[in-house]
């Protein structure tokens, strides 16, 4: 798995420094996620509630990485850095990752891939829950791509709708077509 390289270089270092300061001050989305998880755990060690608090930050990360609006958001790097910092601490607290809670530059590659790994794991779990596998989903996407290339847009729309019924949401981007788990209608 490749690290999430969304905050590389000087701007990324600056965003991480700002994010660390905000987290220490208890402000920003990372601090809010951390607080929500801690509150859930303080409620009789309510681990399911703590894990469910990860949904909103992971959705936000996904939106910042994949949507046009997210990619254009002016504070994108800072928000991603805030979530990165908070989720590393949360994952370490919950024992979900074998990394230090405060990653050093020596273990950045491992620490930087936490969001990508979490999103990949969530996609895998969703596929299991839906009784599907990634090969099948990618086959549907390829079939839809061929239908669209042949200007059979009705068939392409039909495939998209069939996938949506099964809980697979198709996202067409300039980089190509990808998918994400969703709720069947």
N, C-alpha and C. Protein backbone atom coordinates (compact mmCIF):
# COMPACT_ATOMS: atom_id res chain seq x y z
N UNK A 1 0.84 -1.17 0.00
CA UNK A 1 0.00 0.00 0.00
C UNK A 1 0.88 1.23 0.00
N UNK A 2 0.54 2.22 -0.83
CA UNK A 2 1.31 3.44 -0.93
C UNK A 2 0.87 4.42 0.15
N UNK A 3 1.80 5.24 0.67
CA UNK A 3 1.41 6.23 1.66
C UNK A 3 0.53 7.30 1.03
N UNK A 4 -0.28 7.92 1.86
CA UNK A 4 -1.13 9.01 1.40
C UNK A 4 -0.26 10.26 1.30
N UNK A 5 0.14 10.63 0.08
CA UNK A 5 1.06 11.73 -0.12
C UNK A 5 0.29 12.99 -0.48
N UNK A 6 -0.56 13.45 0.45
CA UNK A 6 -1.36 14.63 0.17
C UNK A 6 -0.75 15.87 0.80
N UNK A 7 0.22 15.70 1.66
CA UNK A 7 0.80 16.84 2.35
C UNK A 7 2.31 16.78 2.26
N UNK A 8 2.83 16.72 1.03
CA UNK A 8 4.26 16.61 0.84
C UNK A 8 4.89 17.98 0.68
N UNK A 9 6.16 18.07 1.00
CA UNK A 9 6.90 19.30 0.77
C UNK A 9 6.67 20.36 1.83
N UNK A 10 7.05 21.61 1.50
CA UNK A 10 6.97 22.70 2.46
C UNK A 10 5.54 22.98 2.90
N UNK A 11 4.61 22.98 1.96
CA UNK A 11 3.21 23.24 2.32
C UNK A 11 2.68 22.16 3.25
N UNK A 12 3.07 20.92 2.99
CA UNK A 12 2.64 19.83 3.85
C UNK A 12 3.23 19.94 5.25
N UNK A 13 4.51 20.31 5.32
CA UNK A 13 5.15 20.49 6.64
C UNK A 13 4.48 21.62 7.40
N UNK A 14 4.16 22.70 6.67
CA UNK A 14 3.49 23.84 7.29
C UNK A 14 2.09 23.43 7.78
N UNK A 15 1.37 22.67 6.96
CA UNK A 15 0.03 22.20 7.34
C UNK A 15 0.10 21.30 8.56
N UNK A 16 1.09 20.43 8.61
CA UNK A 16 1.24 19.55 9.76
C UNK A 16 1.56 20.34 11.03
N UNK A 17 2.40 21.37 10.91
CA UNK A 17 2.73 22.19 12.08
C UNK A 17 1.49 22.92 12.59
N UNK A 18 0.70 23.50 11.68
CA UNK A 18 -0.54 24.17 12.06
C UNK A 18 -1.52 23.17 12.68
N UNK A 19 -1.60 22.00 12.09
CA UNK A 19 -2.52 20.97 12.60
C UNK A 19 -2.12 20.54 14.00
N UNK A 20 -0.82 20.37 14.24
CA UNK A 20 -0.35 19.97 15.56
C UNK A 20 -0.68 21.03 16.60
N UNK A 21 -0.50 22.31 16.22
CA UNK A 21 -0.82 23.40 17.14
C UNK A 21 -2.32 23.42 17.45
N UNK A 22 -3.14 23.25 16.42
CA UNK A 22 -4.59 23.22 16.64
C UNK A 22 -4.99 22.05 17.51
N UNK A 23 -4.41 20.88 17.25
CA UNK A 23 -4.75 19.69 18.04
C UNK A 23 -4.38 19.91 19.50
N UNK A 24 -3.18 20.47 19.74
CA UNK A 24 -2.75 20.74 21.12
C UNK A 24 -3.66 21.75 21.80
N UNK A 25 -4.22 22.68 21.02
CA UNK A 25 -5.12 23.69 21.57
C UNK A 25 -6.55 23.15 21.69
N UNK A 26 -6.79 21.96 21.16
CA UNK A 26 -8.12 21.36 21.26
C UNK A 26 -9.13 21.92 20.27
N UNK A 27 -8.63 22.46 19.16
CA UNK A 27 -9.54 23.00 18.14
C UNK A 27 -9.31 22.26 16.82
N UNK A 28 -10.31 22.37 15.93
CA UNK A 28 -10.20 21.76 14.62
C UNK A 28 -10.86 20.40 14.55
N UNK A 29 -11.02 19.88 13.33
CA UNK A 29 -11.71 18.60 13.16
C UNK A 29 -10.97 17.41 13.77
N UNK A 30 -9.65 17.46 13.79
CA UNK A 30 -8.90 16.36 14.39
C UNK A 30 -9.14 16.27 15.89
N UNK A 31 -9.10 17.42 16.54
CA UNK A 31 -9.34 17.46 17.99
C UNK A 31 -10.78 17.05 18.30
N UNK A 32 -11.72 17.45 17.43
CA UNK A 32 -13.12 17.07 17.64
C UNK A 32 -13.29 15.55 17.53
N UNK A 33 -12.63 14.94 16.55
CA UNK A 33 -12.70 13.48 16.39
C UNK A 33 -12.10 12.78 17.61
N UNK A 34 -10.95 13.26 18.05
CA UNK A 34 -10.28 12.70 19.23
C UNK A 34 -11.20 12.79 20.44
N UNK A 35 -11.82 13.95 20.65
CA UNK A 35 -12.72 14.15 21.80
C UNK A 35 -13.91 13.21 21.73
N UNK A 36 -14.49 13.07 20.53
CA UNK A 36 -15.67 12.21 20.38
C UNK A 36 -15.33 10.76 20.71
N UNK A 37 -14.17 10.30 20.27
CA UNK A 37 -13.76 8.92 20.56
C UNK A 37 -13.51 8.75 22.06
N UNK A 38 -12.83 9.71 22.66
CA UNK A 38 -12.58 9.62 24.11
C UNK A 38 -13.87 9.63 24.90
N UNK A 39 -14.82 10.47 24.53
CA UNK A 39 -16.10 10.51 25.23
C UNK A 39 -16.82 9.16 25.12
N UNK A 40 -16.77 8.57 23.95
CA UNK A 40 -17.41 7.26 23.78
C UNK A 40 -16.73 6.22 24.66
N UNK A 41 -15.40 6.24 24.72
CA UNK A 41 -14.68 5.27 25.54
C UNK A 41 -14.91 5.51 27.03
N UNK A 42 -15.11 6.76 27.40
CA UNK A 42 -15.38 7.07 28.81
C UNK A 42 -16.77 6.63 29.23
N UNK A 43 -17.64 6.36 28.27
CA UNK A 43 -18.98 5.86 28.55
C UNK A 43 -18.93 4.34 28.66
N UNK A 44 -18.38 3.87 29.77
CA UNK A 44 -18.30 2.44 30.04
C UNK A 44 -17.56 1.68 28.94
N UNK A 45 -16.47 2.29 28.46
CA UNK A 45 -15.62 1.71 27.42
C UNK A 45 -16.44 1.26 26.21
N UNK A 46 -17.27 2.17 25.72
CA UNK A 46 -18.18 1.89 24.60
C UNK A 46 -17.40 1.89 23.29
N UNK A 47 -16.71 0.79 23.03
CA UNK A 47 -15.87 0.67 21.84
C UNK A 47 -16.66 0.77 20.54
N UNK A 48 -17.84 0.15 20.43
CA UNK A 48 -18.60 0.32 19.18
C UNK A 48 -18.90 1.79 18.88
N UNK A 49 -19.27 2.54 19.90
CA UNK A 49 -19.54 3.97 19.68
C UNK A 49 -18.26 4.70 19.31
N UNK A 50 -17.14 4.32 19.92
CA UNK A 50 -15.85 4.96 19.60
C UNK A 50 -15.48 4.71 18.15
N UNK A 51 -15.64 3.47 17.71
CA UNK A 51 -15.31 3.14 16.32
C UNK A 51 -16.28 3.84 15.37
N UNK A 52 -17.55 3.96 15.75
CA UNK A 52 -18.51 4.64 14.87
C UNK A 52 -18.17 6.12 14.72
N UNK A 53 -17.48 6.69 15.69
CA UNK A 53 -17.05 8.09 15.59
C UNK A 53 -16.01 8.29 14.49
N UNK A 54 -15.44 7.22 13.98
CA UNK A 54 -14.45 7.32 12.90
C UNK A 54 -15.11 7.54 11.54
N UNK A 55 -16.40 7.29 11.45
CA UNK A 55 -17.10 7.38 10.17
C UNK A 55 -17.01 8.79 9.57
N UNK A 56 -17.33 9.79 10.34
CA UNK A 56 -17.33 11.17 9.81
C UNK A 56 -15.93 11.62 9.38
N UNK A 57 -14.89 11.41 10.20
CA UNK A 57 -13.56 11.81 9.73
C UNK A 57 -13.12 11.06 8.47
N UNK A 58 -13.41 9.77 8.39
CA UNK A 58 -13.01 9.00 7.21
C UNK A 58 -13.78 9.45 5.98
N UNK A 59 -15.06 9.80 6.15
CA UNK A 59 -15.82 10.34 5.02
C UNK A 59 -15.24 11.68 4.59
N UNK A 60 -14.90 12.52 5.54
CA UNK A 60 -14.30 13.81 5.20
C UNK A 60 -12.98 13.64 4.46
N UNK A 61 -12.16 12.71 4.93
CA UNK A 61 -10.88 12.44 4.25
C UNK A 61 -11.15 11.97 2.83
N UNK A 62 -12.09 11.05 2.68
CA UNK A 62 -12.43 10.55 1.35
C UNK A 62 -12.89 11.68 0.45
N UNK A 63 -13.74 12.56 0.97
CA UNK A 63 -14.22 13.69 0.18
C UNK A 63 -13.07 14.62 -0.21
N UNK A 64 -12.17 14.90 0.73
CA UNK A 64 -11.03 15.78 0.44
C UNK A 64 -10.09 15.18 -0.60
N UNK A 65 -10.04 13.85 -0.65
CA UNK A 65 -9.14 13.18 -1.59
C UNK A 65 -9.77 12.91 -2.95
N UNK A 66 -11.10 12.81 -3.00
CA UNK A 66 -11.72 12.33 -4.23
C UNK A 66 -12.69 13.28 -4.91
N UNK A 67 -13.26 14.24 -4.18
CA UNK A 67 -14.26 15.11 -4.82
C UNK A 67 -13.61 16.37 -5.35
N UNK A 68 -14.24 16.95 -6.35
CA UNK A 68 -13.73 18.18 -6.94
C UNK A 68 -13.71 19.29 -5.89
N UNK A 69 -14.80 19.42 -5.12
CA UNK A 69 -14.87 20.46 -4.09
C UNK A 69 -13.80 20.23 -3.03
N UNK A 70 -13.58 18.97 -2.65
CA UNK A 70 -12.57 18.66 -1.65
C UNK A 70 -11.17 18.99 -2.12
N UNK A 71 -10.89 18.68 -3.38
CA UNK A 71 -9.56 18.94 -3.92
C UNK A 71 -9.29 20.44 -4.07
N UNK A 72 -10.35 21.23 -4.21
CA UNK A 72 -10.19 22.68 -4.37
C UNK A 72 -10.27 23.44 -3.05
N UNK A 73 -10.62 22.75 -1.99
CA UNK A 73 -10.78 23.43 -0.69
C UNK A 73 -9.46 24.08 -0.27
N UNK A 74 -9.47 25.37 0.07
CA UNK A 74 -8.22 26.08 0.37
C UNK A 74 -7.44 25.52 1.57
N UNK A 75 -8.16 25.02 2.57
CA UNK A 75 -7.47 24.50 3.77
C UNK A 75 -7.34 22.98 3.75
N UNK A 76 -7.38 22.40 2.57
CA UNK A 76 -7.37 20.95 2.39
C UNK A 76 -6.20 20.27 3.10
N UNK A 77 -4.99 20.76 2.87
CA UNK A 77 -3.82 20.11 3.47
C UNK A 77 -3.87 20.19 4.99
N UNK A 78 -4.28 21.32 5.51
CA UNK A 78 -4.34 21.48 6.96
C UNK A 78 -5.37 20.51 7.56
N UNK A 79 -6.54 20.44 6.94
CA UNK A 79 -7.59 19.55 7.46
C UNK A 79 -7.13 18.09 7.38
N UNK A 80 -6.53 17.71 6.26
CA UNK A 80 -6.02 16.34 6.15
C UNK A 80 -4.95 16.06 7.19
N UNK A 81 -4.08 17.03 7.43
CA UNK A 81 -3.04 16.85 8.45
C UNK A 81 -3.65 16.73 9.84
N UNK A 82 -4.72 17.50 10.10
CA UNK A 82 -5.40 17.41 11.40
C UNK A 82 -6.02 16.02 11.59
N UNK A 83 -6.68 15.54 10.54
CA UNK A 83 -7.26 14.20 10.63
C UNK A 83 -6.17 13.15 10.77
N UNK A 84 -5.08 13.30 10.04
CA UNK A 84 -3.98 12.34 10.11
C UNK A 84 -3.47 12.24 11.55
N UNK A 85 -3.20 13.37 12.15
CA UNK A 85 -2.69 13.40 13.52
C UNK A 85 -3.67 12.74 14.49
N UNK A 86 -4.93 13.14 14.39
CA UNK A 86 -5.94 12.60 15.30
C UNK A 86 -6.16 11.11 15.09
N UNK A 87 -6.29 10.68 13.82
CA UNK A 87 -6.57 9.27 13.56
C UNK A 87 -5.40 8.38 13.95
N UNK A 88 -4.19 8.87 13.82
CA UNK A 88 -3.03 8.08 14.27
C UNK A 88 -3.14 7.83 15.77
N UNK A 89 -3.48 8.86 16.50
CA UNK A 89 -3.63 8.73 17.96
C UNK A 89 -4.80 7.80 18.31
N UNK A 90 -5.91 7.98 17.60
CA UNK A 90 -7.09 7.15 17.86
C UNK A 90 -6.80 5.69 17.53
N UNK A 91 -6.20 5.44 16.37
CA UNK A 91 -5.90 4.06 15.99
C UNK A 91 -4.93 3.42 16.97
N UNK A 92 -3.95 4.17 17.42
CA UNK A 92 -3.01 3.64 18.41
C UNK A 92 -3.74 3.34 19.71
N UNK A 93 -4.61 4.25 20.15
CA UNK A 93 -5.37 4.06 21.38
C UNK A 93 -6.24 2.81 21.31
N UNK A 94 -6.87 2.61 20.16
CA UNK A 94 -7.76 1.46 19.98
C UNK A 94 -7.02 0.18 19.62
N UNK A 95 -5.70 0.28 19.40
CA UNK A 95 -4.92 -0.89 19.05
C UNK A 95 -5.15 -1.34 17.62
N UNK A 96 -5.60 -0.43 16.76
CA UNK A 96 -5.90 -0.79 15.38
C UNK A 96 -4.71 -0.69 14.44
N UNK A 97 -3.67 -0.01 14.86
CA UNK A 97 -2.49 0.15 14.02
C UNK A 97 -1.25 -0.12 14.86
N UNK A 98 -0.26 -0.70 14.24
CA UNK A 98 0.98 -0.98 14.94
C UNK A 98 2.00 0.12 14.72
N UNK A 99 1.57 1.38 14.93
CA UNK A 99 2.47 2.51 14.75
C UNK A 99 2.45 3.37 16.00
N UNK A 100 3.47 4.20 16.14
CA UNK A 100 3.54 5.11 17.27
C UNK A 100 2.43 6.14 17.14
N UNK A 101 1.94 6.65 18.30
CA UNK A 101 0.89 7.66 18.28
C UNK A 101 1.40 8.98 17.72
N UNK A 102 2.67 9.27 17.89
CA UNK A 102 3.25 10.50 17.35
C UNK A 102 4.33 10.09 16.34
N UNK A 103 3.97 9.95 15.06
CA UNK A 103 4.92 9.44 14.08
C UNK A 103 6.12 10.35 13.87
N UNK A 104 7.25 9.74 13.72
CA UNK A 104 8.46 10.50 13.42
C UNK A 104 8.68 10.44 11.91
N UNK A 105 9.63 11.22 11.43
CA UNK A 105 9.89 11.18 9.99
C UNK A 105 10.40 9.81 9.56
N UNK A 106 11.01 9.08 10.48
CA UNK A 106 11.54 7.75 10.14
C UNK A 106 10.42 6.77 9.85
N UNK A 107 9.27 6.94 10.48
CA UNK A 107 8.17 5.99 10.23
C UNK A 107 7.02 6.67 9.49
N UNK A 108 7.30 7.78 8.77
CA UNK A 108 6.24 8.49 8.08
C UNK A 108 5.53 7.63 7.04
N UNK A 109 6.28 6.83 6.30
CA UNK A 109 5.64 6.02 5.27
C UNK A 109 4.55 5.14 5.88
N UNK A 110 4.86 4.53 7.02
CA UNK A 110 3.87 3.69 7.68
C UNK A 110 2.74 4.56 8.22
N UNK A 111 3.07 5.67 8.85
CA UNK A 111 2.06 6.53 9.44
C UNK A 111 1.21 7.21 8.38
N UNK A 112 1.83 7.61 7.29
CA UNK A 112 1.11 8.33 6.25
C UNK A 112 0.09 7.49 5.52
N UNK A 113 0.19 6.19 5.59
CA UNK A 113 -0.74 5.34 4.87
C UNK A 113 -1.95 4.95 5.70
N UNK A 114 -2.08 5.53 6.91
CA UNK A 114 -3.18 5.10 7.78
C UNK A 114 -4.55 5.33 7.17
N UNK A 115 -4.77 6.49 6.55
CA UNK A 115 -6.08 6.79 5.99
C UNK A 115 -6.37 5.90 4.79
N UNK A 116 -5.40 5.73 3.92
CA UNK A 116 -5.59 4.87 2.76
C UNK A 116 -5.88 3.44 3.20
N UNK A 117 -5.17 2.98 4.22
CA UNK A 117 -5.39 1.63 4.73
C UNK A 117 -6.78 1.51 5.35
N UNK A 118 -7.18 2.52 6.11
CA UNK A 118 -8.49 2.48 6.75
C UNK A 118 -9.60 2.48 5.70
N UNK A 119 -9.47 3.32 4.69
CA UNK A 119 -10.48 3.38 3.63
C UNK A 119 -10.51 2.06 2.87
N UNK A 120 -9.36 1.49 2.59
CA UNK A 120 -9.30 0.21 1.90
C UNK A 120 -9.96 -0.89 2.74
N UNK A 121 -9.68 -0.88 4.04
CA UNK A 121 -10.30 -1.87 4.93
C UNK A 121 -11.82 -1.70 4.98
N UNK A 122 -12.27 -0.44 5.01
CA UNK A 122 -13.71 -0.19 5.05
C UNK A 122 -14.37 -0.68 3.75
N UNK A 123 -13.69 -0.47 2.61
CA UNK A 123 -14.22 -0.95 1.34
C UNK A 123 -14.29 -2.47 1.34
N UNK A 124 -13.24 -3.13 1.85
CA UNK A 124 -13.23 -4.59 1.90
C UNK A 124 -14.35 -5.12 2.79
N UNK A 125 -14.55 -4.48 3.95
CA UNK A 125 -15.62 -4.91 4.84
C UNK A 125 -16.99 -4.71 4.20
N UNK A 126 -17.15 -3.60 3.48
CA UNK A 126 -18.42 -3.35 2.80
C UNK A 126 -18.68 -4.43 1.75
N UNK A 127 -17.63 -4.83 1.01
CA UNK A 127 -17.80 -5.87 0.00
C UNK A 127 -18.23 -7.19 0.64
N UNK A 128 -17.61 -7.52 1.77
CA UNK A 128 -17.99 -8.76 2.46
C UNK A 128 -19.44 -8.67 2.90
N UNK A 129 -19.83 -7.52 3.46
CA UNK A 129 -21.19 -7.32 3.93
C UNK A 129 -22.19 -7.45 2.77
N UNK A 130 -21.79 -7.01 1.57
CA UNK A 130 -22.66 -7.07 0.40
C UNK A 130 -22.58 -8.41 -0.32
N UNK A 131 -21.67 -9.29 0.11
CA UNK A 131 -21.51 -10.58 -0.55
C UNK A 131 -20.84 -10.46 -1.91
N UNK A 132 -19.98 -9.47 -2.08
CA UNK A 132 -19.30 -9.24 -3.35
C UNK A 132 -17.80 -9.29 -3.16
N UNK A 133 -17.07 -9.21 -4.27
CA UNK A 133 -15.62 -9.07 -4.19
C UNK A 133 -15.19 -7.99 -5.17
N UNK A 134 -13.98 -7.49 -5.00
CA UNK A 134 -13.50 -6.37 -5.81
C UNK A 134 -13.38 -6.75 -7.28
N UNK A 135 -13.03 -7.99 -7.57
CA UNK A 135 -12.90 -8.42 -8.97
C UNK A 135 -14.24 -8.27 -9.69
N UNK A 136 -15.32 -8.65 -9.02
CA UNK A 136 -16.65 -8.52 -9.61
C UNK A 136 -16.99 -7.05 -9.86
N UNK A 137 -16.73 -6.21 -8.87
CA UNK A 137 -17.03 -4.79 -9.01
C UNK A 137 -16.21 -4.17 -10.14
N UNK A 138 -14.93 -4.51 -10.20
CA UNK A 138 -14.09 -3.97 -11.28
C UNK A 138 -14.54 -4.49 -12.64
N UNK A 139 -15.06 -5.70 -12.69
CA UNK A 139 -15.61 -6.24 -13.93
C UNK A 139 -16.83 -5.43 -14.39
N UNK A 140 -17.71 -5.09 -13.44
CA UNK A 140 -18.87 -4.26 -13.78
C UNK A 140 -18.43 -2.89 -14.28
N UNK A 141 -17.43 -2.33 -13.62
CA UNK A 141 -16.92 -1.01 -14.03
C UNK A 141 -16.35 -1.09 -15.44
N UNK A 142 -15.62 -2.16 -15.74
CA UNK A 142 -15.04 -2.33 -17.08
C UNK A 142 -16.15 -2.51 -18.12
N UNK A 143 -17.17 -3.30 -17.78
CA UNK A 143 -18.29 -3.50 -18.70
C UNK A 143 -19.00 -2.17 -18.97
N UNK A 144 -19.17 -1.37 -17.93
CA UNK A 144 -19.80 -0.05 -18.07
C UNK A 144 -18.92 0.86 -18.94
N UNK A 145 -17.61 0.80 -18.72
CA UNK A 145 -16.68 1.61 -19.51
C UNK A 145 -16.78 1.26 -20.99
N UNK A 146 -16.85 -0.04 -21.29
CA UNK A 146 -16.97 -0.49 -22.68
C UNK A 146 -18.29 -0.04 -23.30
N UNK A 147 -19.37 -0.12 -22.51
CA UNK A 147 -20.67 0.32 -23.01
C UNK A 147 -20.64 1.81 -23.34
N UNK A 148 -20.03 2.59 -22.48
CA UNK A 148 -19.95 4.03 -22.72
C UNK A 148 -19.04 4.33 -23.92
N UNK A 149 -17.95 3.57 -24.06
CA UNK A 149 -17.05 3.77 -25.21
C UNK A 149 -17.77 3.46 -26.52
N UNK A 150 -18.71 2.50 -26.48
CA UNK A 150 -19.50 2.14 -27.65
C UNK A 150 -20.75 3.02 -27.80
N UNK A 151 -20.81 4.08 -26.99
CA UNK A 151 -21.92 5.05 -27.02
C UNK A 151 -23.25 4.41 -26.67
N UNK A 152 -23.21 3.30 -25.91
CA UNK A 152 -24.41 2.65 -25.41
C UNK A 152 -24.66 3.18 -24.00
N UNK A 153 -25.06 4.45 -23.93
CA UNK A 153 -25.20 5.12 -22.65
C UNK A 153 -26.34 4.54 -21.81
N UNK A 154 -27.35 4.02 -22.47
CA UNK A 154 -28.45 3.39 -21.73
C UNK A 154 -27.93 2.19 -20.95
N UNK A 155 -27.09 1.37 -21.58
CA UNK A 155 -26.52 0.20 -20.91
C UNK A 155 -25.58 0.65 -19.77
N UNK A 156 -24.80 1.71 -20.03
CA UNK A 156 -23.91 2.24 -19.00
C UNK A 156 -24.69 2.71 -17.78
N UNK A 157 -25.80 3.41 -18.03
CA UNK A 157 -26.65 3.88 -16.92
C UNK A 157 -27.30 2.71 -16.20
N UNK A 158 -27.70 1.71 -16.97
CA UNK A 158 -28.32 0.51 -16.39
C UNK A 158 -27.34 -0.20 -15.45
N UNK A 159 -26.10 -0.34 -15.89
CA UNK A 159 -25.07 -0.98 -15.04
C UNK A 159 -24.82 -0.16 -13.78
N UNK A 160 -24.73 1.17 -13.93
CA UNK A 160 -24.54 2.03 -12.77
C UNK A 160 -25.68 1.84 -11.78
N UNK A 161 -26.92 1.81 -12.28
CA UNK A 161 -28.08 1.65 -11.42
C UNK A 161 -28.10 0.27 -10.75
N UNK A 162 -27.71 -0.77 -11.50
CA UNK A 162 -27.65 -2.12 -10.92
C UNK A 162 -26.63 -2.17 -9.78
N UNK A 163 -25.49 -1.50 -9.99
CA UNK A 163 -24.46 -1.48 -8.94
C UNK A 163 -24.96 -0.70 -7.73
N UNK A 164 -25.69 0.39 -7.95
CA UNK A 164 -26.20 1.19 -6.84
C UNK A 164 -27.17 0.37 -5.99
N UNK A 165 -27.99 -0.46 -6.66
CA UNK A 165 -28.93 -1.32 -5.92
C UNK A 165 -28.17 -2.29 -5.02
N UNK A 166 -26.98 -2.69 -5.44
CA UNK A 166 -26.16 -3.61 -4.65
C UNK A 166 -25.30 -2.88 -3.62
N UNK A 167 -25.35 -1.53 -3.63
CA UNK A 167 -24.57 -0.77 -2.65
C UNK A 167 -23.22 -0.30 -3.16
N UNK A 168 -23.03 -0.30 -4.47
CA UNK A 168 -21.77 0.16 -5.08
C UNK A 168 -22.07 1.47 -5.80
N UNK A 169 -21.43 2.54 -5.34
CA UNK A 169 -21.63 3.85 -5.97
C UNK A 169 -20.45 4.12 -6.90
N UNK A 170 -20.77 4.48 -8.13
CA UNK A 170 -19.76 4.72 -9.16
C UNK A 170 -19.41 6.20 -9.17
N UNK A 171 -18.11 6.48 -9.24
CA UNK A 171 -17.64 7.86 -9.30
C UNK A 171 -16.76 8.02 -10.54
N UNK A 172 -17.24 8.84 -11.48
CA UNK A 172 -16.47 9.14 -12.68
C UNK A 172 -15.64 10.39 -12.41
N UNK A 173 -14.33 10.28 -12.57
CA UNK A 173 -13.43 11.41 -12.35
C UNK A 173 -12.54 11.57 -13.57
N UNK A 174 -11.84 12.68 -13.67
CA UNK A 174 -10.91 12.84 -14.79
C UNK A 174 -9.83 11.76 -14.81
N UNK A 175 -9.51 11.20 -13.64
CA UNK A 175 -8.49 10.14 -13.56
C UNK A 175 -9.05 8.77 -13.93
N UNK A 176 -10.36 8.66 -14.06
CA UNK A 176 -10.98 7.39 -14.39
C UNK A 176 -12.17 7.12 -13.48
N UNK A 177 -12.72 5.94 -13.60
CA UNK A 177 -13.88 5.55 -12.81
C UNK A 177 -13.42 4.73 -11.61
N UNK A 178 -13.98 5.05 -10.48
CA UNK A 178 -13.71 4.28 -9.26
C UNK A 178 -15.05 4.05 -8.57
N UNK A 179 -15.02 3.43 -7.42
CA UNK A 179 -16.25 3.11 -6.72
C UNK A 179 -16.05 3.33 -5.22
N UNK A 180 -17.16 3.40 -4.53
CA UNK A 180 -17.16 3.45 -3.08
C UNK A 180 -18.40 2.73 -2.58
N UNK A 181 -18.34 2.21 -1.38
CA UNK A 181 -19.53 1.56 -0.84
C UNK A 181 -20.58 2.60 -0.50
N UNK A 182 -21.81 2.24 -0.66
CA UNK A 182 -22.93 3.11 -0.31
C UNK A 182 -24.07 2.26 0.22
N UNK A 183 -25.14 2.91 0.53
CA UNK A 183 -26.33 2.20 1.01
C UNK A 183 -27.23 1.92 -0.17
N UNK A 184 -27.68 0.69 -0.29
CA UNK A 184 -28.62 0.39 -1.38
C UNK A 184 -29.89 1.22 -1.18
N UNK A 185 -30.52 1.65 -2.29
CA UNK A 185 -31.74 2.48 -2.16
C UNK A 185 -32.90 1.73 -1.55
